[in-house]
Amino acid sequence: MSLIDRWHDLLTPDVAEETHAHLESQLKARELVFGGRPLCTVLRPRLTTPEEVHGLQRRIRPLMRAFGKAFTRAMGDRPFRDQFGLLDWEESLLTTPLRYKHPSPTSRLDFFYVPHSGALGLTEYNGETPAGAGYNDALSDAFLDTRAMREFSRTHEIFTLPARHGVVGAVLSAWREFSGGNAKPRVGILDWDDVPTRTEFELYRQHFQTLGIDAVIDDPRRCEYRNGKLYSQGAPIDVIYKRVLIAELIETCGMAHDVVRAVSEGAVCMVDGFHCKILHKKASLAVLSDEANAGTFDTDDLTAIHDCIPWTRIVSERSTSYRGRPVDLVKFVHEAKDRLVLKPNDEYGGKGIVLGWTVDVAAWEAAVQVAIRTPYIVQEKVEIPKEPYPSWVDGAVHMADRMIDTAPFITNGDYMEGILTRLSTAALLNVTAGGGSTVPTFVVQPRS
């Protein structure tokens, strides 16, 4: 019997109702909401095995090394860097010295992972403001004390995959590199007052405080740079745990804003800093995938890229290859609608993404024209796995197949620290876009 079947067999009406009531109360008490919606709407966490987790880590590490090589070359080779599509103001911010080793100490890979085949398709590298690690850990705590979990643990050992401590550890590690010492910093968690992830910031503030580190949550518009220090809530901060998007910060506040100047002048350590924009661009997947850049990578790198990244190109008038044969790229994109996805180079929340197989020819043609004029990538469709998930509706258990993605958090460009799992009944799995559910991931194995 599979792990999933075993869990579902335990969901008698009594167990399911009690589990639902507990989760509902925990979501409310812990403020586990996103934009006013509960983060989790199902009665089962994601269940995986130690072998699957170890296998995923083994495949991620060489892929991250390839990303690192691309970044290193980009910093020293302007024509190569131009492939990433940085805007002029983003280029100007690269003159700020990178004062710690990796451009994205905290990041997240968004995969579709198909357990039965092992297929792994990377659809996005979030190298700027990866959200969800704090929520993930709080949802794990909520599920651990459900009646369903207690019943399941009679026959299976249960292990959590915590993620928040990895994020906090990466922030503090960057601070130690930046400062050259071990003094405890004062941390400012910066984003706009009205963002839907604000409840997660409180989880991080509490975690910093358990480590004896003072942390405040603030809107960057209230910060002041004076006398060589950046002030938040009346006192200097040493580290910015940046959750505000760099593009939104510059658009709203301008290049001369106090936060931008403080970071640029080395008065404060910001994680993730301005250099993260290179790999965060969706074009980074095209740079790694494109045969024109194969000389940047060694054999192991290319094996990892082929293993993890679906065929991806920057949309432009050019010739390239597809599955070993030459193609005119724009012509091919027009003709292969049902197996391709168009994505803007630097958006989030699903904005601007067009799934070719979900639109008619006229809509696709219009999307291709937009992609030619503005920075876009085109990516081959990947297999999207599904699993049955139960929910409690109108006094009964309802089972429905939900599409599932696998989004591991990566610290310091190398190590996997927990997995964000998102579910959806729609083809675009994105909580920000207004759909889906988030569930924690548990590693389980039968008791001996």
Protein backbone atom coordinates (compact mmCIF):
# COMPACT_ATOMS: atom_id res chain seq x y z
CA MET A 1 0.00 0.00 0.00
CA SER A 2 1.36 3.44 -0.93
CA LEU A 3 1.95 6.16 1.63
CA ILE A 4 -0.89 8.18 0.13
CA ASP A 5 -3.34 5.26 0.24
CA ARG A 6 -2.39 4.52 3.84
CA TRP A 7 -3.12 8.14 4.87
CA HIS A 8 -6.43 8.21 3.03
CA ASP A 9 -7.54 4.91 4.58
CA LEU A 10 -7.14 6.57 8.00
CA LEU A 11 -9.51 9.41 7.10
CA THR A 12 -12.71 8.03 8.55
CA PRO A 13 -15.40 10.70 8.95
CA ASP A 14 -14.47 11.20 12.61
CA VAL A 15 -10.74 11.48 11.93
CA ALA A 16 -11.26 13.75 8.94
CA GLU A 17 -13.62 16.10 10.75
CA GLU A 18 -11.32 16.37 13.77
CA THR A 19 -8.29 16.94 11.52
CA HIS A 20 -10.13 19.63 9.58
CA ALA A 21 -11.23 21.41 12.77
CA HIS A 22 -7.69 21.35 14.17
CA LEU A 23 -6.14 22.70 10.98
CA GLU A 24 -8.78 25.39 10.69
CA SER A 25 -8.13 26.57 14.24
CA GLN A 26 -4.34 26.47 13.74
CA LEU A 27 -4.49 28.43 10.48
CA LYS A 28 -6.52 31.09 12.24
CA ALA A 29 -4.41 31.18 15.41
CA ARG A 30 -1.10 31.32 13.53
CA GLU A 31 -2.45 33.72 10.88
CA LEU A 32 -1.48 31.30 8.12
CA VAL A 33 -3.20 33.24 5.41
CA PHE A 34 -2.14 34.76 2.11
CA GLY A 35 -4.13 37.75 0.93
CA GLY A 36 -6.96 36.83 3.32
CA ARG A 37 -7.15 33.22 2.08
CA PRO A 38 -6.14 30.20 4.18
CA LEU A 39 -2.83 28.80 3.00
CA CYS A 40 -3.93 25.19 3.26
CA THR A 41 -7.32 23.77 2.29
CA VAL A 42 -6.62 20.02 2.28
CA LEU A 43 -6.35 17.24 4.87
CA ARG A 44 -3.07 15.69 3.83
CA PRO A 45 0.52 16.95 3.74
CA ARG A 46 2.85 15.94 0.99
CA LEU A 47 4.44 12.60 1.80
CA THR A 48 7.86 11.67 0.45
CA THR A 49 10.67 9.24 1.23
CA PRO A 50 14.29 9.70 2.33
CA GLU A 51 15.43 8.30 -1.03
CA GLU A 52 13.46 10.92 -2.97
CA VAL A 53 14.81 13.77 -0.84
CA HIS A 54 18.42 12.60 -1.11
CA GLY A 55 18.01 12.08 -4.84
CA LEU A 56 16.67 15.59 -5.30
CA GLN A 57 19.59 17.07 -3.34
CA ARG A 58 22.10 15.13 -5.46
CA ARG A 59 20.56 16.52 -8.66
CA ILE A 60 20.30 20.09 -7.39
CA ARG A 61 23.89 20.60 -6.30
CA PRO A 62 25.52 20.25 -9.76
CA LEU A 63 22.75 22.41 -11.24
CA MET A 64 23.51 25.16 -8.73
CA ARG A 65 27.19 24.92 -9.61
CA ALA A 66 26.22 25.60 -13.22
CA PHE A 67 24.21 28.66 -12.15
CA GLY A 68 27.26 29.81 -10.21
CA LYS A 69 29.51 29.50 -13.25
CA ALA A 70 27.03 31.47 -15.35
CA PHE A 71 27.02 34.25 -12.75
CA THR A 72 30.82 34.37 -12.53
CA ARG A 73 31.16 34.64 -16.29
CA ALA A 74 28.38 37.23 -16.47
CA MET A 75 30.17 39.49 -14.01
CA GLY A 76 33.32 39.54 -16.12
CA ASP A 77 31.90 39.31 -19.64
CA ARG A 78 29.48 42.07 -20.65
CA PRO A 79 28.35 40.48 -23.97
CA PHE A 80 27.59 37.26 -22.10
CA ARG A 81 25.76 39.21 -19.38
CA ASP A 82 23.62 40.97 -21.97
CA GLN A 83 21.79 37.69 -22.53
CA PHE A 84 20.15 38.05 -19.12
CA GLY A 85 18.32 41.20 -20.21
CA LEU A 86 19.25 43.53 -17.35
CA LEU A 87 17.82 47.03 -17.58
CA ASP A 88 20.15 50.04 -17.54
CA TRP A 89 19.41 50.85 -13.91
CA GLU A 90 20.01 47.22 -12.93
CA GLU A 91 23.36 47.36 -14.70
CA SER A 92 24.29 50.49 -12.77
CA LEU A 93 23.62 48.77 -9.45
CA LEU A 94 26.14 46.05 -10.27
CA THR A 95 28.90 48.55 -9.52
CA THR A 96 28.07 48.02 -5.84
CA PRO A 97 30.65 45.50 -4.55
CA LEU A 98 29.31 42.03 -3.77
CA ARG A 99 30.48 41.65 -0.18
CA TYR A 100 29.53 37.99 0.29
CA LYS A 101 30.20 34.92 -1.82
CA HIS A 102 26.90 34.07 -3.50
CA PRO A 103 24.60 36.63 -5.16
CA SER A 104 21.51 34.89 -3.75
CA PRO A 105 22.18 33.54 -0.25
CA THR A 106 18.47 32.65 -0.12
CA SER A 107 16.74 31.32 -3.22
CA ARG A 108 14.15 28.82 -4.41
CA LEU A 109 13.95 26.48 -7.39
CA ASP A 110 10.48 25.86 -8.79
CA PHE A 111 10.31 22.36 -10.27
CA PHE A 112 7.74 19.93 -11.48
CA TYR A 113 8.93 16.55 -10.20
CA VAL A 114 7.28 13.32 -11.38
CA PRO A 115 8.07 10.55 -8.87
CA HIS A 116 7.23 7.53 -11.04
CA SER A 117 9.55 8.60 -13.87
CA GLY A 118 11.98 10.84 -12.01
CA ALA A 119 11.37 13.63 -14.55
CA LEU A 120 12.43 17.02 -13.22
CA GLY A 121 11.50 20.26 -14.96
CA LEU A 122 12.76 23.61 -13.65
CA THR A 123 10.34 26.37 -14.60
CA GLU A 124 11.75 29.24 -12.52
CA TYR A 125 14.70 30.19 -10.35
CA ASN A 126 13.58 32.66 -7.70
CA GLY A 127 16.88 34.24 -6.76
CA GLU A 128 15.56 37.49 -5.30
CA THR A 129 12.80 37.23 -2.69
CA PRO A 130 11.78 33.59 -2.24
CA ALA A 131 8.72 33.45 0.00
CA GLY A 132 7.12 30.56 1.85
CA ALA A 133 9.80 29.03 4.08
CA GLY A 134 8.28 30.47 7.25
CA TYR A 135 4.79 29.43 6.21
CA ASN A 136 6.06 25.95 5.38
CA ASP A 137 7.44 25.39 8.88
CA ALA A 138 4.32 26.74 10.58
CA LEU A 139 2.12 24.45 8.46
CA SER A 140 4.35 21.52 9.44
CA ASP A 141 3.75 22.32 13.11
CA ALA A 142 0.01 22.57 12.48
CA PHE A 143 -0.16 19.17 10.76
CA LEU A 144 2.01 17.38 13.33
CA ASP A 145 -0.67 17.56 15.99
CA THR A 146 -3.65 16.51 13.84
CA ARG A 147 -5.47 13.31 14.64
CA ALA A 148 -4.70 11.97 11.16
CA MET A 149 -0.98 12.46 11.74
CA ARG A 150 -1.13 10.79 15.12
CA GLU A 151 -2.84 7.77 13.58
CA PHE A 152 -0.40 7.67 10.69
CA SER A 153 2.61 7.87 13.02
CA ARG A 154 1.60 4.57 14.65
CA THR A 155 2.95 2.78 11.59
CA HIS A 156 5.36 5.34 10.09
CA GLU A 157 8.25 7.45 11.32
CA ILE A 158 7.71 11.14 10.52
CA PHE A 159 10.42 13.72 9.78
CA THR A 160 9.89 17.38 8.97
CA LEU A 161 11.90 19.36 6.40
CA PRO A 162 12.36 22.73 8.12
CA ALA A 163 13.19 25.65 5.86
CA ARG A 164 13.03 28.86 7.90
CA HIS A 165 16.20 28.16 9.88
CA GLY A 166 18.09 27.75 6.60
CA VAL A 167 16.95 31.15 5.38
CA VAL A 168 17.88 32.81 8.66
CA GLY A 169 21.22 30.98 8.68
CA ALA A 170 22.00 32.20 5.17
CA VAL A 171 21.17 35.79 6.14
CA LEU A 172 23.46 35.61 9.16
CA SER A 173 26.22 33.89 7.18
CA ALA A 174 26.12 36.72 4.62
CA TRP A 175 26.34 39.21 7.50
CA ARG A 176 29.43 37.50 8.90
CA GLU A 177 31.13 37.67 5.48
CA PHE A 178 30.05 41.28 5.04
CA SER A 179 31.18 42.43 8.49
CA GLY A 180 34.16 40.14 8.96
CA GLY A 181 33.04 39.32 12.51
CA ASN A 182 30.53 37.45 14.63
CA ALA A 183 28.69 40.33 16.30
CA LYS A 184 24.94 39.90 16.42
CA PRO A 185 23.31 42.31 13.97
CA ARG A 186 20.07 44.26 14.20
CA VAL A 187 17.89 43.01 11.34
CA GLY A 188 15.32 44.93 9.35
CA ILE A 189 12.74 42.85 7.44
CA LEU A 190 11.76 45.29 4.70
CA ASP A 191 8.70 45.27 2.45
CA TRP A 192 5.61 47.39 1.86
CA ASP A 193 3.09 47.58 4.67
CA ASP A 194 0.25 46.09 2.61
CA VAL A 195 1.85 42.98 1.08
CA PRO A 196 -0.04 39.67 1.59
CA THR A 197 3.08 37.90 2.94
CA ARG A 198 3.35 40.22 5.95
CA THR A 199 2.17 37.48 8.32
CA GLU A 200 5.25 35.46 7.33
CA PHE A 201 7.53 38.33 8.31
CA GLU A 202 6.31 37.99 11.89
CA LEU A 203 7.36 34.32 11.86
CA TYR A 204 10.85 35.39 10.85
CA ARG A 205 10.97 38.18 13.42
CA GLN A 206 10.13 35.67 16.13
CA HIS A 207 12.78 33.24 14.88
CA PHE A 208 15.48 35.93 14.92
CA GLN A 209 14.46 36.82 18.45
CA THR A 210 14.80 33.21 19.63
CA LEU A 211 18.44 33.54 18.53
CA GLY A 212 18.86 36.68 20.62
CA ILE A 213 18.83 38.92 17.55
CA ASP A 214 16.76 42.09 17.47
CA ALA A 215 14.60 42.19 14.34
CA VAL A 216 12.02 44.71 13.16
CA ILE A 217 9.48 44.72 10.34
CA ASP A 218 9.37 47.96 8.42
CA ASP A 219 8.38 49.66 5.19
CA PRO A 220 11.51 50.86 3.31
CA ARG A 221 9.84 54.25 2.80
CA ARG A 222 10.22 54.90 6.53
CA CYS A 223 13.93 54.07 6.68
CA GLU A 224 16.43 56.91 6.93
CA TYR A 225 20.10 56.99 5.99
CA ARG A 226 22.11 59.41 8.08
CA ASN A 227 25.58 59.61 9.61
CA GLY A 228 26.64 56.46 7.74
CA LYS A 229 23.85 54.31 9.22
CA LEU A 230 20.46 53.14 7.96
CA TYR A 231 17.79 53.74 10.62
CA SER A 232 14.58 51.77 11.12
CA GLN A 233 12.18 52.42 13.98
CA GLY A 234 14.56 54.78 15.72
CA ALA A 235 17.77 52.73 15.64
CA PRO A 236 20.36 51.60 13.08
CA ILE A 237 19.97 48.27 11.33
CA ASP A 238 22.96 46.22 10.21
CA VAL A 239 21.22 43.72 7.95
CA ILE A 240 18.28 44.03 5.58
CA TYR A 241 16.38 40.80 5.06
CA LYS A 242 14.93 42.13 1.82
CA ARG A 243 11.46 40.99 0.87
CA VAL A 244 10.59 44.03 -1.21
CA LEU A 245 11.31 43.50 -4.90
CA ILE A 246 14.22 45.55 -6.17
CA ALA A 247 12.24 46.70 -9.22
CA GLU A 248 9.36 47.89 -7.01
CA LEU A 249 11.78 49.63 -4.64
CA ILE A 250 13.39 51.57 -7.48
CA GLU A 251 10.09 52.30 -9.24
CA THR A 252 8.47 53.57 -6.04
CA CYS A 253 11.39 55.25 -4.29
CA GLY A 254 14.00 55.95 -6.97
CA MET A 255 17.72 55.32 -7.25
CA ALA A 256 18.56 58.04 -4.73
CA HIS A 257 16.43 56.51 -1.97
CA ASP A 258 18.04 56.11 1.45
CA VAL A 259 17.92 52.28 1.36
CA VAL A 260 19.53 52.16 -2.09
CA ARG A 261 22.26 54.59 -1.07
CA ALA A 262 22.97 52.80 2.20
CA VAL A 263 23.39 49.48 0.42
CA SER A 264 25.44 50.99 -2.42
CA GLU A 265 27.80 52.67 0.05
CA GLY A 266 28.28 49.53 2.14
CA ALA A 267 26.57 50.94 5.23
CA VAL A 268 24.22 47.96 5.52
CA CYS A 269 24.23 44.32 4.41
CA MET A 270 21.26 43.45 2.19
CA VAL A 271 20.16 39.86 1.53
CA ASP A 272 19.51 39.24 -1.31
CA GLY A 273 21.48 42.15 -2.78
CA PHE A 274 21.41 43.87 -6.16
CA HIS A 275 23.55 41.22 -7.89
CA CYS A 276 20.78 38.64 -7.43
CA LYS A 277 18.95 40.15 -10.41
CA ILE A 278 21.26 38.39 -12.90
CA LEU A 279 20.26 34.82 -12.05
CA HIS A 280 16.76 35.80 -10.95
CA LYS A 281 15.90 36.79 -14.51
CA LYS A 282 14.02 33.99 -16.24
CA ALA A 283 16.54 34.34 -19.04
CA SER A 284 19.02 32.55 -16.75
CA LEU A 285 17.30 29.27 -17.64
CA ALA A 286 17.76 30.08 -21.33
CA VAL A 287 21.41 31.00 -20.81
CA LEU A 288 22.08 27.61 -19.23
CA SER A 289 19.92 25.69 -21.71
CA ASP A 290 21.16 27.34 -24.93
CA GLU A 291 23.70 25.30 -26.89
CA ALA A 292 25.46 28.55 -27.81
CA ASN A 293 26.71 28.78 -24.20
CA ALA A 294 27.80 25.15 -23.81
CA GLY A 295 31.46 26.17 -23.63
CA THR A 296 30.83 27.88 -20.28
CA PHE A 297 30.13 24.53 -18.60
CA ASP A 298 31.87 21.21 -18.12
CA THR A 299 30.38 17.79 -18.83
CA ASP A 300 28.88 17.39 -15.35
CA ASP A 301 27.30 20.85 -15.57
CA LEU A 302 25.76 20.09 -18.96
CA THR A 303 24.41 16.77 -17.67
CA ALA A 304 22.73 18.57 -14.75
CA ILE A 305 21.33 21.27 -17.04
CA HIS A 306 19.91 18.69 -19.44
CA ASP A 307 18.51 16.72 -16.49
CA CYS A 308 16.76 19.65 -14.83
CA ILE A 309 16.00 22.45 -17.30
CA PRO A 310 13.53 21.99 -20.15
CA TRP A 311 14.43 23.45 -23.55
CA THR A 312 14.40 27.24 -23.00
CA ARG A 313 15.36 30.15 -25.24
CA ILE A 314 15.22 33.94 -25.15
CA VAL A 315 12.66 34.97 -27.78
CA SER A 316 14.45 36.68 -30.67
CA GLU A 317 14.90 36.47 -34.42
CA ARG A 318 17.62 33.82 -34.60
CA SER A 319 18.43 30.25 -35.50
CA THR A 320 18.85 27.68 -32.77
CA SER A 321 18.37 23.96 -32.20
CA TYR A 322 15.46 21.96 -30.84
CA ARG A 323 16.04 18.32 -29.95
CA GLY A 324 19.13 18.23 -32.11
CA ARG A 325 17.68 19.81 -35.24
CA PRO A 326 18.11 23.41 -36.46
CA VAL A 327 15.05 25.68 -36.29
CA ASP A 328 14.17 29.28 -37.00
CA LEU A 329 13.23 30.25 -33.47
CA VAL A 330 10.31 32.65 -34.05
CA LYS A 331 8.83 30.47 -36.79
CA PHE A 332 9.11 27.44 -34.50
CA VAL A 333 7.43 29.30 -31.62
CA HIS A 334 4.53 30.22 -33.91
CA GLU A 335 4.12 26.62 -35.08
CA ALA A 336 4.64 24.67 -31.83
CA LYS A 337 1.99 26.41 -29.72
CA ASP A 338 0.70 23.31 -27.95
CA ARG A 339 4.05 22.39 -26.42
CA LEU A 340 5.41 25.81 -25.47
CA VAL A 341 5.07 28.43 -22.72
CA LEU A 342 5.87 32.15 -23.02
CA LYS A 343 7.12 33.98 -19.92
CA PRO A 344 8.19 37.58 -19.34
CA ASN A 345 11.80 37.87 -18.27
CA ASP A 346 11.13 39.54 -14.91
CA GLU A 347 7.61 39.22 -13.51
CA TYR A 348 6.12 37.25 -10.63
CA GLY A 349 2.80 35.78 -9.54
CA GLY A 350 2.15 34.26 -12.97
CA LYS A 351 1.81 37.68 -14.61
CA GLY A 352 2.24 37.61 -18.38
CA ILE A 353 2.69 33.82 -18.66
CA VAL A 354 0.89 32.26 -21.64
CA LEU A 355 0.45 28.47 -21.80
CA GLY A 356 0.20 27.70 -25.49
CA TRP A 357 -2.09 24.68 -25.14
CA THR A 358 -4.67 26.72 -23.20
CA VAL A 359 -5.22 29.52 -25.75
CA ASP A 360 -6.42 29.70 -29.37
CA VAL A 361 -4.16 30.48 -32.31
CA ALA A 362 -5.05 34.19 -32.40
CA ALA A 363 -4.20 34.65 -28.71
CA TRP A 364 -0.92 32.79 -29.16
CA GLU A 365 0.06 34.85 -32.20
CA ALA A 366 -0.60 38.03 -30.22
CA ALA A 367 1.48 36.73 -27.31
CA VAL A 368 4.37 35.89 -29.64
CA GLN A 369 4.35 39.43 -31.01
CA VAL A 370 4.59 40.79 -27.45
CA ALA A 371 7.43 38.38 -26.73
CA ILE A 372 9.38 39.59 -29.76
CA ARG A 373 9.09 43.24 -28.70
CA THR A 374 9.79 42.85 -24.99
CA PRO A 375 12.13 40.54 -23.02
CA TYR A 376 10.52 37.07 -22.92
CA ILE A 377 11.62 33.47 -22.80
CA VAL A 378 9.96 30.49 -24.42
CA GLN A 379 10.09 27.14 -22.67
CA GLU A 380 9.03 23.65 -23.57
CA LYS A 381 6.01 22.28 -21.72
CA VAL A 382 6.88 19.88 -18.89
CA GLU A 383 4.89 17.04 -17.42
CA ILE A 384 2.86 18.24 -14.43
CA PRO A 385 2.34 15.55 -11.78
CA LYS A 386 -0.95 15.02 -10.00
CA GLU A 387 -1.85 13.46 -6.67
CA PRO A 388 -5.21 12.92 -4.98
CA TYR A 389 -5.81 15.24 -2.02
CA PRO A 390 -8.72 15.09 0.41
CA SER A 391 -10.64 18.07 1.74
CA TRP A 392 -13.58 18.45 4.14
CA VAL A 393 -16.58 19.98 2.42
CA ASP A 394 -20.18 20.05 3.67
CA GLY A 395 -19.53 17.46 6.35
CA ALA A 396 -17.79 14.88 4.16
CA VAL A 397 -14.41 13.99 2.71
CA HIS A 398 -14.03 15.00 -0.93
CA MET A 399 -11.13 13.63 -2.97
CA ALA A 400 -9.74 15.49 -5.97
CA ASP A 401 -6.62 15.23 -8.10
CA ARG A 402 -4.43 18.29 -7.74
CA MET A 403 -1.41 19.34 -9.71
CA ILE A 404 1.67 19.58 -7.53
CA ASP A 405 4.95 21.44 -7.77
CA THR A 406 8.21 20.98 -5.91
CA ALA A 407 10.02 24.15 -4.85
CA PRO A 408 13.11 23.50 -2.70
CA PHE A 409 14.72 26.39 -0.85
CA ILE A 410 18.43 26.76 -1.56
CA THR A 411 20.92 28.40 0.79
CA ASN A 412 24.17 29.96 -0.39
CA GLY A 413 23.71 28.62 -3.90
CA ASP A 414 24.28 25.03 -2.85
CA TYR A 415 22.23 23.24 -0.22
CA MET A 416 18.55 22.34 -0.17
CA GLU A 417 16.79 23.51 3.01
CA GLY A 418 13.18 22.33 2.96
CA ILE A 419 10.61 22.11 0.17
CA LEU A 420 7.68 24.36 -0.58
CA THR A 421 4.82 22.34 -2.10
CA ARG A 422 1.95 24.04 -3.91
CA LEU A 423 -1.22 22.41 -5.16
CA SER A 424 -3.68 23.58 -7.75
CA THR A 425 -6.55 22.43 -9.92
CA ALA A 426 -5.46 25.00 -12.55
CA ALA A 427 -2.55 24.67 -14.96
CA LEU A 428 -0.73 27.69 -13.48
CA LEU A 429 0.36 26.74 -9.97
CA ASN A 430 0.82 30.02 -8.20
CA VAL A 431 -0.62 31.13 -4.87
CA THR A 432 0.05 34.77 -5.69
CA ALA A 433 -2.09 34.45 -8.81
CA GLY A 434 -5.06 33.63 -6.60
CA GLY A 435 -5.39 29.88 -6.63
CA GLY A 436 -4.17 26.71 -5.05
CA SER A 437 -3.09 25.55 -1.65
CA THR A 438 0.20 25.13 0.16
CA VAL A 439 1.03 21.97 2.11
CA PRO A 440 4.06 21.03 4.18
CA THR A 441 6.31 18.17 3.10
CA PHE A 442 7.05 15.27 5.45
CA VAL A 443 9.65 12.55 4.99
CA VAL A 444 8.19 9.23 6.12
CA GLN A 445 9.24 5.61 6.32
CA PRO A 446 7.58 2.51 7.78
CA ARG A 447 8.41 1.70 11.36
CA SER A 448 10.63 -1.37 11.64
